[in-house]
Amino acid sequence: MGLELEYTETQTSLDDEEKEGLLIRTITTRYELDEFEQQNIEKAIEWSMLKKFTVEEILSEAFVKRLHKKMFDQTWRWAGEFRKTNKNIGVDKFRIGIELRHLFDDCQFWIKNKVFSEDEIAIRFKHRMVNIHPFPNGNGRHSRLIADILIEKGFEKPIFSWGGNILSSKSKSRSNYLKALFAADLGDFTALIQFARN
């Protein structure tokens, strides 16, 4: 796909138009934004826990957008909408839909032909999703939650622990996560699977 990856300690930066989409104008700091987004995400997690989803439903553009909207609809006006600008990570904005379709098809093939373990399928799906980077922001958190939904609802296995810590902080867990992502970029998913399950 020719993706250029750059993992940083912060979330994807937003351009001025995207910042205009902030629904709560009183938010002035990154901390306040993180807190408000986390409350929104917790409601999306509760929603996902109460619903039944099939693999086919999860592996669709409609579900990808719906989940992002549920995660950020009280924070961002553009929640659930694909980004309209290019970022330092991800495919060209015009290729988002195409690359997602390839990902869904690949994932269906992996499942049907038992190419990888169920854990590895969910982790590979997460990894490709974040590399496509379909949304202006929240892609890492979205990709982890959709992997959890796929493993739990699609494969009837426990959700991932993702290292057990908040990954947005400057913690050892965050550092281990980034190292595992770099290894996965090079085709070795062992560390990322282990991180997700520890």
Foldseek 3Di string as FASTA:
>chain_A
DPWDDDDDLAWFDFDPVQVVFFPDPVDDDPVSLVVVLVVQQVQLLVVLVVDADELVRLLDLVNLLVSQCSSDVNTGNCRSPFDPCDTNAADGLVCLVVLSVVLSVVLVVCVVVVVDPLLVSLLVSLLSQVRNVGHSTDSNVSSLVSSQSCCCNHVVDHRFCQQVDDLSDPDVSVVQCVVQSVVVVVPDNVSVSVNRRD
